[in-house]
Amino acid sequence: MTARTPAEDIRPHILVVMGVSGSGKTTVAEGLHNVLGWPYQEGDRLHPQANVDKMAAGIPLTDADRWPWLAECRKWIDARIADGGGGILTCSALKRSYREILAKDTDQVVFIFLDVPEAILKDRLARRTGHYMPPSLLPSQLATLEPPGPDEHALTIDSFISPAEVIAHTLGQLKYRLDR
């Protein structure tokens, strides 16, 4: 008898790996993609160029800036749901209202909130290279953040441990929570 893989043990869902800049969304999402094999979309690539330019200039996005981006994220989610398989999307999803757009009329979306202490976030962003989001925008993201409530379909994962531990813990929580 061969051992089952995590992909066989976790029913397909749409995982939205969320949190502020520097929380590890991309690293965790890529790790989950490598284990589960589900389609993966880096949410930052769905931003309109005007948003990218604004963030690169150190200007925080407004709700009005985010609505078109969230609509693109939701289109990606809808396509994965139509395919009948799982999917993994990175998206800051900072506010409940944003998450409501992403999960509206479906129970297939699960938010994976990567919770990281501010001091660790600052350190990670200070060392990060090649990303348009400057560390100066972290305070505005933290001020905007509304952590998922107990009534939301979300897992809160402490993301200050190693990426491998975060991914393993997330997979364990998904198996436990989604099989209930």
N, C-alpha and C. Protein backbone atom coordinates (compact mmCIF):
# COMPACT_ATOMS: atom_id res chain seq x y z
N MET A 1 0.84 -1.18 0.00
CA MET A 1 0.00 0.00 0.00
C MET A 1 0.89 1.24 0.00
N THR A 2 0.60 2.15 -0.91
CA THR A 2 1.36 3.39 -0.99
C THR A 2 0.73 4.46 -0.11
N ALA A 3 1.60 5.30 0.43
CA ALA A 3 1.10 6.40 1.27
C ALA A 3 0.37 7.41 0.40
N ARG A 4 -0.66 8.00 0.99
CA ARG A 4 -1.41 9.03 0.27
C ARG A 4 -0.64 10.35 0.33
N THR A 5 -0.77 11.13 -0.73
CA THR A 5 -0.13 12.44 -0.77
C THR A 5 -1.08 13.48 -0.16
N PRO A 6 -0.56 14.64 0.28
CA PRO A 6 -1.45 15.69 0.78
C PRO A 6 -2.52 16.09 -0.22
N ALA A 7 -2.18 16.09 -1.50
CA ALA A 7 -3.16 16.47 -2.52
C ALA A 7 -4.33 15.51 -2.54
N GLU A 8 -4.10 14.24 -2.22
CA GLU A 8 -5.18 13.25 -2.20
C GLU A 8 -6.01 13.37 -0.92
N ASP A 9 -5.39 13.91 0.14
CA ASP A 9 -6.07 13.99 1.43
C ASP A 9 -6.84 15.29 1.64
N ILE A 10 -6.63 16.28 0.77
CA ILE A 10 -7.30 17.57 0.94
C ILE A 10 -8.19 17.81 -0.27
N ARG A 11 -9.49 17.92 0.02
CA ARG A 11 -10.44 18.20 -1.06
C ARG A 11 -10.12 19.54 -1.70
N PRO A 12 -10.23 19.63 -3.03
CA PRO A 12 -9.92 20.90 -3.71
C PRO A 12 -10.80 22.06 -3.22
N HIS A 13 -10.14 23.13 -2.93
CA HIS A 13 -10.76 24.41 -2.56
C HIS A 13 -9.96 25.50 -3.24
N ILE A 14 -10.43 26.71 -3.12
CA ILE A 14 -9.67 27.87 -3.57
C ILE A 14 -9.04 28.47 -2.32
N LEU A 15 -7.73 28.41 -2.25
CA LEU A 15 -7.00 28.94 -1.10
C LEU A 15 -6.53 30.35 -1.44
N VAL A 16 -6.93 31.31 -0.63
CA VAL A 16 -6.46 32.68 -0.80
C VAL A 16 -5.48 32.94 0.34
N VAL A 17 -4.20 32.96 -0.01
CA VAL A 17 -3.15 33.20 0.97
C VAL A 17 -3.05 34.71 1.15
N MET A 18 -3.38 35.17 2.36
CA MET A 18 -3.57 36.59 2.60
C MET A 18 -2.71 37.11 3.75
N GLY A 19 -2.53 38.41 3.75
CA GLY A 19 -1.79 39.08 4.81
C GLY A 19 -1.12 40.32 4.23
N VAL A 20 -0.47 41.06 5.11
CA VAL A 20 0.20 42.29 4.67
C VAL A 20 1.48 41.95 3.93
N SER A 21 2.06 42.96 3.33
CA SER A 21 3.32 42.81 2.62
C SER A 21 4.40 42.28 3.57
N GLY A 22 5.14 41.28 3.11
CA GLY A 22 6.19 40.70 3.92
C GLY A 22 5.76 39.53 4.79
N SER A 23 4.47 39.17 4.73
CA SER A 23 3.98 38.08 5.58
C SER A 23 4.36 36.70 5.04
N GLY A 24 4.79 36.64 3.78
CA GLY A 24 5.21 35.35 3.21
C GLY A 24 4.20 34.73 2.27
N LYS A 25 3.29 35.54 1.75
CA LYS A 25 2.22 35.01 0.89
C LYS A 25 2.76 34.22 -0.30
N THR A 26 3.69 34.81 -1.02
CA THR A 26 4.22 34.16 -2.22
C THR A 26 4.95 32.87 -1.87
N THR A 27 5.80 32.91 -0.87
CA THR A 27 6.55 31.72 -0.46
C THR A 27 5.62 30.59 -0.05
N VAL A 28 4.63 30.90 0.75
CA VAL A 28 3.69 29.87 1.22
C VAL A 28 2.83 29.37 0.06
N ALA A 29 2.34 30.27 -0.77
CA ALA A 29 1.50 29.86 -1.90
C ALA A 29 2.27 28.96 -2.86
N GLU A 30 3.52 29.32 -3.16
CA GLU A 30 4.32 28.48 -4.05
C GLU A 30 4.57 27.11 -3.42
N GLY A 31 4.80 27.08 -2.11
CA GLY A 31 4.99 25.80 -1.42
C GLY A 31 3.74 24.95 -1.47
N LEU A 32 2.58 25.55 -1.23
CA LEU A 32 1.32 24.81 -1.31
C LEU A 32 1.08 24.31 -2.73
N HIS A 33 1.38 25.15 -3.70
CA HIS A 33 1.25 24.75 -5.12
C HIS A 33 2.14 23.54 -5.41
N ASN A 34 3.38 23.56 -4.92
CA ASN A 34 4.30 22.45 -5.17
C ASN A 34 3.81 21.15 -4.55
N VAL A 35 3.17 21.23 -3.40
CA VAL A 35 2.68 20.03 -2.72
C VAL A 35 1.35 19.57 -3.31
N LEU A 36 0.42 20.51 -3.49
CA LEU A 36 -0.93 20.15 -3.91
C LEU A 36 -1.09 20.04 -5.43
N GLY A 37 -0.26 20.77 -6.16
CA GLY A 37 -0.35 20.75 -7.62
C GLY A 37 -1.51 21.54 -8.19
N TRP A 38 -2.19 22.31 -7.35
CA TRP A 38 -3.33 23.11 -7.82
C TRP A 38 -2.81 24.35 -8.55
N PRO A 39 -3.58 24.89 -9.50
CA PRO A 39 -3.16 26.11 -10.20
C PRO A 39 -2.89 27.23 -9.19
N TYR A 40 -1.91 28.05 -9.53
CA TYR A 40 -1.46 29.12 -8.64
C TYR A 40 -1.43 30.44 -9.40
N GLN A 41 -1.90 31.50 -8.74
CA GLN A 41 -1.86 32.84 -9.33
C GLN A 41 -1.30 33.82 -8.30
N GLU A 42 -0.26 34.51 -8.68
CA GLU A 42 0.29 35.59 -7.86
C GLU A 42 -0.63 36.79 -8.04
N GLY A 43 -1.34 37.16 -6.99
CA GLY A 43 -2.31 38.24 -7.07
C GLY A 43 -1.73 39.58 -7.46
N ASP A 44 -0.47 39.83 -7.09
CA ASP A 44 0.16 41.10 -7.46
C ASP A 44 0.18 41.29 -8.97
N ARG A 45 0.23 40.21 -9.72
CA ARG A 45 0.28 40.31 -11.18
C ARG A 45 -1.07 40.71 -11.78
N LEU A 46 -2.11 40.70 -10.98
CA LEU A 46 -3.45 41.08 -11.46
C LEU A 46 -3.74 42.56 -11.23
N HIS A 47 -2.85 43.25 -10.53
CA HIS A 47 -3.05 44.69 -10.30
C HIS A 47 -2.97 45.46 -11.61
N PRO A 48 -3.83 46.46 -11.80
CA PRO A 48 -3.67 47.37 -12.93
C PRO A 48 -2.33 48.11 -12.79
N GLN A 49 -1.74 48.48 -13.90
CA GLN A 49 -0.44 49.17 -13.86
C GLN A 49 -0.50 50.44 -13.01
N ALA A 50 -1.64 51.13 -13.03
CA ALA A 50 -1.76 52.35 -12.22
C ALA A 50 -1.57 52.05 -10.73
N ASN A 51 -2.06 50.90 -10.27
CA ASN A 51 -1.87 50.52 -8.87
C ASN A 51 -0.39 50.24 -8.58
N VAL A 52 0.24 49.51 -9.47
CA VAL A 52 1.66 49.19 -9.30
C VAL A 52 2.48 50.48 -9.24
N ASP A 53 2.19 51.40 -10.15
CA ASP A 53 2.91 52.67 -10.17
C ASP A 53 2.69 53.46 -8.88
N LYS A 54 1.48 53.44 -8.41
CA LYS A 54 1.15 54.17 -7.18
C LYS A 54 1.90 53.58 -5.98
N MET A 55 1.86 52.25 -5.86
CA MET A 55 2.57 51.60 -4.74
C MET A 55 4.08 51.82 -4.85
N ALA A 56 4.63 51.69 -6.06
CA ALA A 56 6.07 51.89 -6.26
C ALA A 56 6.50 53.30 -5.86
N ALA A 57 5.58 54.26 -5.98
CA ALA A 57 5.85 55.64 -5.58
C ALA A 57 5.64 55.86 -4.08
N GLY A 58 5.26 54.79 -3.37
CA GLY A 58 5.06 54.89 -1.93
C GLY A 58 3.71 55.46 -1.54
N ILE A 59 2.74 55.41 -2.45
CA ILE A 59 1.40 55.94 -2.18
C ILE A 59 0.47 54.77 -1.88
N PRO A 60 -0.16 54.76 -0.70
CA PRO A 60 -1.07 53.66 -0.36
C PRO A 60 -2.27 53.62 -1.30
N LEU A 61 -2.74 52.42 -1.58
CA LEU A 61 -3.94 52.25 -2.40
C LEU A 61 -5.18 52.58 -1.58
N THR A 62 -6.19 53.08 -2.27
CA THR A 62 -7.50 53.33 -1.66
C THR A 62 -8.43 52.16 -2.01
N ASP A 63 -9.58 52.15 -1.40
CA ASP A 63 -10.58 51.14 -1.77
C ASP A 63 -10.89 51.24 -3.26
N ALA A 64 -11.04 52.46 -3.77
CA ALA A 64 -11.36 52.65 -5.19
C ALA A 64 -10.27 52.06 -6.08
N ASP A 65 -9.01 52.16 -5.65
CA ASP A 65 -7.91 51.55 -6.41
C ASP A 65 -8.01 50.03 -6.40
N ARG A 66 -8.46 49.49 -5.29
CA ARG A 66 -8.46 48.03 -5.11
C ARG A 66 -9.62 47.32 -5.80
N TRP A 67 -10.77 47.99 -6.00
CA TRP A 67 -11.94 47.29 -6.55
C TRP A 67 -11.66 46.60 -7.88
N PRO A 68 -11.02 47.26 -8.87
CA PRO A 68 -10.75 46.56 -10.14
C PRO A 68 -9.82 45.36 -9.95
N TRP A 69 -8.86 45.48 -9.06
CA TRP A 69 -7.94 44.38 -8.77
C TRP A 69 -8.68 43.21 -8.14
N LEU A 70 -9.53 43.52 -7.18
CA LEU A 70 -10.30 42.45 -6.54
C LEU A 70 -11.23 41.77 -7.54
N ALA A 71 -11.77 42.54 -8.49
CA ALA A 71 -12.62 41.95 -9.54
C ALA A 71 -11.81 40.96 -10.38
N GLU A 72 -10.56 41.30 -10.69
CA GLU A 72 -9.70 40.38 -11.45
C GLU A 72 -9.38 39.13 -10.63
N CYS A 73 -9.13 39.32 -9.34
CA CYS A 73 -8.89 38.16 -8.46
C CYS A 73 -10.12 37.26 -8.43
N ARG A 74 -11.29 37.88 -8.35
CA ARG A 74 -12.52 37.09 -8.32
C ARG A 74 -12.74 36.35 -9.65
N LYS A 75 -12.40 36.98 -10.76
CA LYS A 75 -12.51 36.29 -12.06
C LYS A 75 -11.65 35.03 -12.07
N TRP A 76 -10.46 35.14 -11.52
CA TRP A 76 -9.57 33.98 -11.45
C TRP A 76 -10.19 32.90 -10.58
N ILE A 77 -10.74 33.28 -9.44
CA ILE A 77 -11.40 32.33 -8.55
C ILE A 77 -12.56 31.65 -9.28
N ASP A 78 -13.39 32.43 -9.95
CA ASP A 78 -14.54 31.86 -10.67
C ASP A 78 -14.10 30.85 -11.73
N ALA A 79 -13.00 31.13 -12.42
CA ALA A 79 -12.50 30.20 -13.43
C ALA A 79 -12.04 28.89 -12.79
N ARG A 80 -11.42 28.96 -11.62
CA ARG A 80 -10.99 27.75 -10.92
C ARG A 80 -12.21 26.96 -10.43
N ILE A 81 -13.22 27.64 -9.94
CA ILE A 81 -14.43 26.96 -9.49
C ILE A 81 -15.09 26.27 -10.68
N ALA A 82 -15.14 26.94 -11.81
CA ALA A 82 -15.74 26.34 -13.02
C ALA A 82 -14.97 25.11 -13.47
N ASP A 83 -13.65 25.11 -13.25
CA ASP A 83 -12.82 23.96 -13.61
C ASP A 83 -13.08 22.76 -12.70
N GLY A 84 -13.61 23.03 -11.51
CA GLY A 84 -13.92 21.95 -10.58
C GLY A 84 -12.74 21.48 -9.76
N GLY A 85 -11.61 22.15 -9.86
CA GLY A 85 -10.44 21.76 -9.08
C GLY A 85 -10.10 22.83 -8.08
N GLY A 86 -8.99 22.66 -7.43
CA GLY A 86 -8.54 23.65 -6.47
C GLY A 86 -7.78 24.77 -7.13
N GLY A 87 -7.35 25.72 -6.33
CA GLY A 87 -6.55 26.83 -6.81
C GLY A 87 -5.95 27.56 -5.64
N ILE A 88 -4.86 28.26 -5.89
CA ILE A 88 -4.16 29.01 -4.85
C ILE A 88 -3.89 30.41 -5.39
N LEU A 89 -4.34 31.41 -4.65
CA LEU A 89 -4.20 32.81 -5.04
C LEU A 89 -3.57 33.58 -3.90
N THR A 90 -2.58 34.41 -4.20
CA THR A 90 -2.09 35.34 -3.19
C THR A 90 -2.86 36.64 -3.35
N CYS A 91 -3.30 37.19 -2.24
CA CYS A 91 -4.06 38.44 -2.25
C CYS A 91 -4.04 38.97 -0.83
N SER A 92 -3.66 40.21 -0.65
CA SER A 92 -3.60 40.75 0.71
C SER A 92 -4.94 40.64 1.43
N ALA A 93 -6.06 40.84 0.72
CA ALA A 93 -7.41 40.68 1.29
C ALA A 93 -7.50 41.30 2.69
N LEU A 94 -7.04 42.53 2.80
CA LEU A 94 -6.87 43.16 4.10
C LEU A 94 -8.17 43.43 4.85
N LYS A 95 -9.24 43.70 4.14
CA LYS A 95 -10.51 44.04 4.80
C LYS A 95 -11.55 42.94 4.60
N ARG A 96 -12.46 42.88 5.55
CA ARG A 96 -13.58 41.93 5.43
C ARG A 96 -14.34 42.17 4.13
N SER A 97 -14.56 43.44 3.78
CA SER A 97 -15.31 43.73 2.55
C SER A 97 -14.60 43.18 1.32
N TYR A 98 -13.28 43.17 1.32
CA TYR A 98 -12.54 42.60 0.19
C TYR A 98 -12.74 41.08 0.16
N ARG A 99 -12.67 40.45 1.33
CA ARG A 99 -12.84 39.00 1.40
C ARG A 99 -14.26 38.60 1.01
N GLU A 100 -15.23 39.46 1.33
CA GLU A 100 -16.61 39.17 0.94
C GLU A 100 -16.74 39.13 -0.59
N ILE A 101 -16.03 40.00 -1.28
CA ILE A 101 -16.04 39.97 -2.75
C ILE A 101 -15.43 38.66 -3.25
N LEU A 102 -14.32 38.28 -2.67
CA LEU A 102 -13.61 37.09 -3.12
C LEU A 102 -14.37 35.80 -2.84
N ALA A 103 -15.16 35.78 -1.78
CA ALA A 103 -15.84 34.54 -1.38
C ALA A 103 -17.35 34.57 -1.60
N LYS A 104 -17.87 35.63 -2.20
CA LYS A 104 -19.32 35.77 -2.36
C LYS A 104 -19.94 34.58 -3.09
N ASP A 105 -21.00 34.06 -2.51
CA ASP A 105 -21.81 32.99 -3.11
C ASP A 105 -21.06 31.68 -3.33
N THR A 106 -20.01 31.45 -2.58
CA THR A 106 -19.32 30.16 -2.67
C THR A 106 -18.75 29.79 -1.30
N ASP A 107 -18.76 28.51 -1.01
CA ASP A 107 -18.12 28.03 0.21
C ASP A 107 -16.79 27.36 -0.11
N GLN A 108 -16.33 27.53 -1.35
CA GLN A 108 -15.09 26.88 -1.77
C GLN A 108 -13.85 27.71 -1.47
N VAL A 109 -14.01 28.98 -1.10
CA VAL A 109 -12.86 29.84 -0.82
C VAL A 109 -12.49 29.72 0.66
N VAL A 110 -11.20 29.43 0.89
CA VAL A 110 -10.66 29.37 2.25
C VAL A 110 -9.53 30.39 2.32
N PHE A 111 -9.59 31.28 3.28
CA PHE A 111 -8.55 32.28 3.47
C PHE A 111 -7.49 31.72 4.41
N ILE A 112 -6.24 31.86 4.02
CA ILE A 112 -5.11 31.46 4.85
C ILE A 112 -4.43 32.76 5.27
N PHE A 113 -4.74 33.22 6.49
CA PHE A 113 -4.21 34.49 6.99
C PHE A 113 -2.86 34.25 7.64
N LEU A 114 -1.82 34.83 7.04
CA LEU A 114 -0.47 34.70 7.58
C LEU A 114 -0.23 35.85 8.56
N ASP A 115 -0.21 35.50 9.82
CA ASP A 115 -0.10 36.47 10.91
C ASP A 115 1.36 36.55 11.35
N VAL A 116 1.94 37.74 11.25
CA VAL A 116 3.36 37.93 11.55
C VAL A 116 3.51 39.18 12.42
N PRO A 117 4.32 39.12 13.48
CA PRO A 117 4.57 40.32 14.28
C PRO A 117 5.20 41.44 13.44
N GLU A 118 4.85 42.67 13.77
CA GLU A 118 5.30 43.83 13.00
C GLU A 118 6.82 43.91 12.90
N ALA A 119 7.54 43.62 13.97
CA ALA A 119 9.01 43.71 13.94
C ALA A 119 9.59 42.75 12.90
N ILE A 120 9.03 41.57 12.77
CA ILE A 120 9.51 40.59 11.78
C ILE A 120 9.16 41.08 10.37
N LEU A 121 7.97 41.63 10.21
CA LEU A 121 7.59 42.17 8.91
C LEU A 121 8.56 43.26 8.47
N LYS A 122 8.88 44.18 9.37
CA LYS A 122 9.81 45.27 9.05
C LYS A 122 11.17 44.72 8.62
N ASP A 123 11.64 43.71 9.34
CA ASP A 123 12.93 43.11 9.02
C ASP A 123 12.89 42.44 7.64
N ARG A 124 11.83 41.68 7.37
CA ARG A 124 11.71 41.03 6.07
C ARG A 124 11.67 42.03 4.93
N LEU A 125 10.89 43.09 5.10
CA LEU A 125 10.77 44.09 4.04
C LEU A 125 12.07 44.86 3.83
N ALA A 126 12.82 45.08 4.90
CA ALA A 126 14.10 45.77 4.77
C ALA A 126 15.09 44.95 3.95
N ARG A 127 14.96 43.63 3.99
CA ARG A 127 15.88 42.74 3.27
C ARG A 127 15.36 42.33 1.89
N ARG A 128 14.10 42.62 1.59
CA ARG A 128 13.51 42.17 0.33
C ARG A 128 13.99 43.03 -0.84
N THR A 129 14.25 42.37 -1.95
CA THR A 129 14.67 43.08 -3.16
C THR A 129 13.77 42.65 -4.31
N GLY A 130 13.70 43.52 -5.32
CA GLY A 130 12.99 43.17 -6.54
C GLY A 130 11.48 43.24 -6.47
N HIS A 131 10.93 43.93 -5.48
CA HIS A 131 9.47 44.06 -5.38
C HIS A 131 9.12 45.54 -5.38
N TYR A 132 8.03 45.89 -6.05
CA TYR A 132 7.66 47.30 -6.18
C TYR A 132 7.08 47.89 -4.90
N MET A 133 6.67 47.06 -3.96
CA MET A 133 6.04 47.55 -2.73
C MET A 133 7.12 47.97 -1.73
N PRO A 134 7.27 49.27 -1.46
CA PRO A 134 8.31 49.71 -0.54
C PRO A 134 7.92 49.46 0.93
N PRO A 135 8.92 49.27 1.80
CA PRO A 135 8.64 49.06 3.22
C PRO A 135 7.86 50.21 3.85
N SER A 136 7.93 51.39 3.26
CA SER A 136 7.23 52.56 3.82
C SER A 136 5.71 52.40 3.81
N LEU A 137 5.18 51.45 3.02
CA LEU A 137 3.73 51.25 2.97
C LEU A 137 3.22 50.26 4.02
N LEU A 138 4.12 49.61 4.75
CA LEU A 138 3.68 48.65 5.76
C LEU A 138 2.74 49.27 6.80
N PRO A 139 3.04 50.46 7.35
CA PRO A 139 2.12 51.03 8.34
C PRO A 139 0.69 51.20 7.80
N SER A 140 0.55 51.62 6.54
CA SER A 140 -0.80 51.80 6.00
C SER A 140 -1.50 50.45 5.83
N GLN A 141 -0.74 49.41 5.48
CA GLN A 141 -1.35 48.09 5.36
C GLN A 141 -1.79 47.58 6.74
N LEU A 142 -0.96 47.76 7.74
CA LEU A 142 -1.32 47.32 9.09
C LEU A 142 -2.53 48.09 9.61
N ALA A 143 -2.62 49.37 9.28
CA ALA A 143 -3.78 50.17 9.71
C ALA A 143 -5.05 49.72 9.01
N THR A 144 -4.93 49.23 7.77
CA THR A 144 -6.10 48.78 7.00
C THR A 144 -6.53 47.37 7.38
N LEU A 145 -5.59 46.55 7.85
CA LEU A 145 -5.84 45.14 8.12
C LEU A 145 -6.97 44.91 9.12
N GLU A 146 -7.93 44.11 8.69
CA GLU A 146 -8.99 43.60 9.56
C GLU A 146 -8.82 42.08 9.56
N PRO A 147 -8.17 41.52 10.59
CA PRO A 147 -7.98 40.06 10.59
C PRO A 147 -9.32 39.34 10.44
N PRO A 148 -9.31 38.17 9.81
CA PRO A 148 -10.55 37.43 9.63
C PRO A 148 -11.21 37.11 10.97
N GLY A 149 -12.53 37.22 10.97
CA GLY A 149 -13.30 36.92 12.17
C GLY A 149 -13.65 35.44 12.23
N PRO A 150 -14.16 34.99 13.38
CA PRO A 150 -14.48 33.57 13.55
C PRO A 150 -15.61 33.10 12.62
N ASP A 151 -16.37 34.03 12.07
CA ASP A 151 -17.46 33.65 11.17
C ASP A 151 -17.01 33.56 9.71
N GLU A 152 -15.73 33.86 9.45
CA GLU A 152 -15.20 33.77 8.09
C GLU A 152 -14.55 32.40 7.89
N HIS A 153 -14.54 31.94 6.65
CA HIS A 153 -13.94 30.65 6.30
C HIS A 153 -12.43 30.87 6.18
N ALA A 154 -11.75 30.93 7.33
CA ALA A 154 -10.34 31.30 7.34
C ALA A 154 -9.56 30.51 8.38
N LEU A 155 -8.29 30.33 8.07
CA LEU A 155 -7.32 29.77 9.01
C LEU A 155 -6.32 30.86 9.31
N THR A 156 -5.98 31.04 10.57
CA THR A 156 -4.93 31.98 10.94
C THR A 156 -3.69 31.16 11.25
N ILE A 157 -2.62 31.47 10.52
CA ILE A 157 -1.37 30.72 10.66
C ILE A 157 -0.28 31.68 11.12
N ASP A 158 0.37 31.34 12.24
CA ASP A 158 1.52 32.13 12.68
C ASP A 158 2.63 31.91 11.67
N SER A 159 3.04 32.98 11.00
CA SER A 159 3.97 32.86 9.89
C SER A 159 5.35 33.43 10.22
N PHE A 160 5.76 33.32 11.48
CA PHE A 160 7.10 33.78 11.84
C PHE A 160 8.06 32.62 12.00
N ILE A 161 7.57 31.40 11.75
CA ILE A 161 8.41 30.21 11.76
C ILE A 161 8.93 29.98 10.34
N SER A 162 9.68 28.94 10.12
CA SER A 162 10.25 28.72 8.79
C SER A 162 9.15 28.46 7.76
N PRO A 163 9.41 28.81 6.49
CA PRO A 163 8.41 28.55 5.46
C PRO A 163 7.96 27.09 5.41
N ALA A 164 8.89 26.16 5.56
CA ALA A 164 8.52 24.74 5.52
C ALA A 164 7.55 24.39 6.65
N GLU A 165 7.79 24.97 7.84
CA GLU A 165 6.89 24.72 8.97
C GLU A 165 5.52 25.36 8.73
N VAL A 166 5.51 26.55 8.14
CA VAL A 166 4.24 27.22 7.84
C VAL A 166 3.43 26.38 6.85
N ILE A 167 4.09 25.89 5.81
CA ILE A 167 3.41 25.09 4.79
C ILE A 167 2.89 23.79 5.39
N ALA A 168 3.72 23.11 6.18
CA ALA A 168 3.29 21.85 6.81
C ALA A 168 2.12 22.09 7.76
N HIS A 169 2.20 23.16 8.55
CA HIS A 169 1.12 23.47 9.49
C HIS A 169 -0.17 23.81 8.73
N THR A 170 -0.04 24.57 7.65
CA THR A 170 -1.20 24.93 6.84
C THR A 170 -1.85 23.68 6.26
N LEU A 171 -1.05 22.78 5.71
CA LEU A 171 -1.60 21.53 5.15
C LEU A 171 -2.31 20.72 6.22
N GLY A 172 -1.73 20.64 7.40
CA GLY A 172 -2.37 19.91 8.50
C GLY A 172 -3.70 20.54 8.89
N GLN A 173 -3.73 21.87 8.98
CA GLN A 173 -4.97 22.56 9.33
C GLN A 173 -6.02 22.39 8.24
N LEU A 174 -5.60 22.46 6.97
CA LEU A 174 -6.55 22.27 5.88
C LEU A 174 -7.17 20.87 5.93
N LYS A 175 -6.35 19.87 6.12
CA LYS A 175 -6.86 18.50 6.17
C LYS A 175 -7.86 18.36 7.32
N TYR A 176 -7.49 18.88 8.47
CA TYR A 176 -8.35 18.80 9.65
C TYR A 176 -9.64 19.57 9.46
N ARG A 177 -9.55 20.83 9.02
CA ARG A 177 -10.72 21.69 8.92
C ARG A 177 -11.63 21.35 7.75
N LEU A 178 -11.06 20.98 6.61
CA LEU A 178 -11.88 20.75 5.43
C LEU A 178 -12.54 19.38 5.42
N ASP A 179 -12.05 18.49 6.24
CA ASP A 179 -12.65 17.14 6.31
C ASP A 179 -13.77 17.06 7.32
N ARG A 180 -14.09 18.15 7.98
CA ARG A 180 -15.12 18.13 9.03
C ARG A 180 -16.47 18.44 8.46
